[in-house]
Amino acid sequence: MKHIFSEKIELGAYYIYNDEQKKVYDVEGMKQDFQNLLEKLKHQSF
């Protein structure tokens, strides 16, 4: 029988404000952070 565990993982959302004072998200930076997280999790599993 397998046991399934859950772990809460948080990622940051990076943004700046443009000249019109609207949020502009750094989607590429967030994408890279997510890819790094997936690689880290792959190396921890066995």
C-alpha atoms as a PDB file:
ATOM      1  CA  MET A   1       0.000   0.000   0.000  1.00  0.00           C
ATOM      2  CA  LYS A   2       1.340   3.428  -0.945  1.00  0.00           C
ATOM      3  CA  HIS A   3       1.110   6.427   1.330  1.00  0.00           C
ATOM      4  CA  ILE A   4       0.498   9.788  -0.268  1.00  0.00           C
ATOM      5  CA  PHE A   5       1.788  12.895   1.452  1.00  0.00           C
ATOM      6  CA  SER A   6       1.177  16.542   0.705  1.00  0.00           C
ATOM      7  CA  GLU A   7       3.572  19.458   1.015  1.00  0.00           C
ATOM      8  CA  LYS A   8       2.774  23.133   0.583  1.00  0.00           C
ATOM      9  CA  ILE A   9       5.103  24.886  -1.858  1.00  0.00           C
ATOM     10  CA  GLU A  10       5.058  28.622  -2.473  1.00  0.00           C
ATOM     11  CA  LEU A  11       6.350  30.482  -5.497  1.00  0.00           C
ATOM     12  CA  GLY A  12       6.877  34.206  -5.806  1.00  0.00           C
ATOM     13  CA  ALA A  13       5.242  36.415  -8.399  1.00  0.00           C
ATOM     14  CA  TYR A  14       7.637  39.089  -9.615  1.00  0.00           C
ATOM     15  CA  TYR A  15       6.311  42.339 -11.010  1.00  0.00           C
ATOM     16  CA  ILE A  16       7.151  45.981 -11.596  1.00  0.00           C
ATOM     17  CA  TYR A  17       4.965  48.993 -12.237  1.00  0.00           C
ATOM     18  CA  ASN A  18       5.007  50.527 -15.700  1.00  0.00           C
ATOM     19  CA  ASP A  19       4.698  54.233 -16.516  1.00  0.00           C
ATOM     20  CA  GLU A  20       0.908  54.001 -16.223  1.00  0.00           C
ATOM     21  CA  GLN A  21       1.214  52.535 -12.686  1.00  0.00           C
ATOM     22  CA  LYS A  22      -0.054  49.133 -13.835  1.00  0.00           C
ATOM     23  CA  LYS A  23       1.522  45.881 -12.692  1.00  0.00           C
ATOM     24  CA  VAL A  24       3.689  44.104 -15.263  1.00  0.00           C
ATOM     25  CA  TYR A  25       4.512  40.530 -14.246  1.00  0.00           C
ATOM     26  CA  ASP A  26       7.866  38.897 -15.012  1.00  0.00           C
ATOM     27  CA  VAL A  27       6.370  35.747 -16.527  1.00  0.00           C
ATOM     28  CA  GLU A  28       9.717  34.487 -17.833  1.00  0.00           C
ATOM     29  CA  GLY A  29      11.293  34.791 -14.376  1.00  0.00           C
ATOM     30  CA  MET A  30       8.384  32.954 -12.750  1.00  0.00           C
ATOM     31  CA  LYS A  31       8.544  30.281 -15.471  1.00  0.00           C
ATOM     32  CA  GLN A  32      12.260  29.732 -14.808  1.00  0.00           C
ATOM     33  CA  ASP A  33      11.654  29.485 -11.038  1.00  0.00           C
ATOM     34  CA  PHE A  34       8.970  26.856 -11.667  1.00  0.00           C
ATOM     35  CA  GLN A  35      11.283  24.861 -13.945  1.00  0.00           C
ATOM     36  CA  ASN A  36      14.000  25.003 -11.259  1.00  0.00           C
ATOM     37  CA  LEU A  37      11.497  23.739  -8.682  1.00  0.00           C
ATOM     38  CA  LEU A  38      10.512  20.819 -10.932  1.00  0.00           C
ATOM     39  CA  GLU A  39      14.161  19.864 -11.437  1.00  0.00           C
ATOM     40  CA  LYS A  40      14.769  20.011  -7.691  1.00  0.00           C
ATOM     41  CA  LEU A  41      11.761  17.784  -7.012  1.00  0.00           C
ATOM     42  CA  LYS A  42      12.841  15.285  -9.695  1.00  0.00           C
ATOM     43  CA  HIS A  43      16.243  14.891  -8.045  1.00  0.00           C
ATOM     44  CA  GLN A  44      14.701  14.365  -4.602  1.00  0.00           C
ATOM     45  CA  SER A  45      12.358  11.563  -5.646  1.00  0.00           C
ATOM     46  CA  PHE A  46      13.469   7.950  -5.923  1.00  0.00           C
END
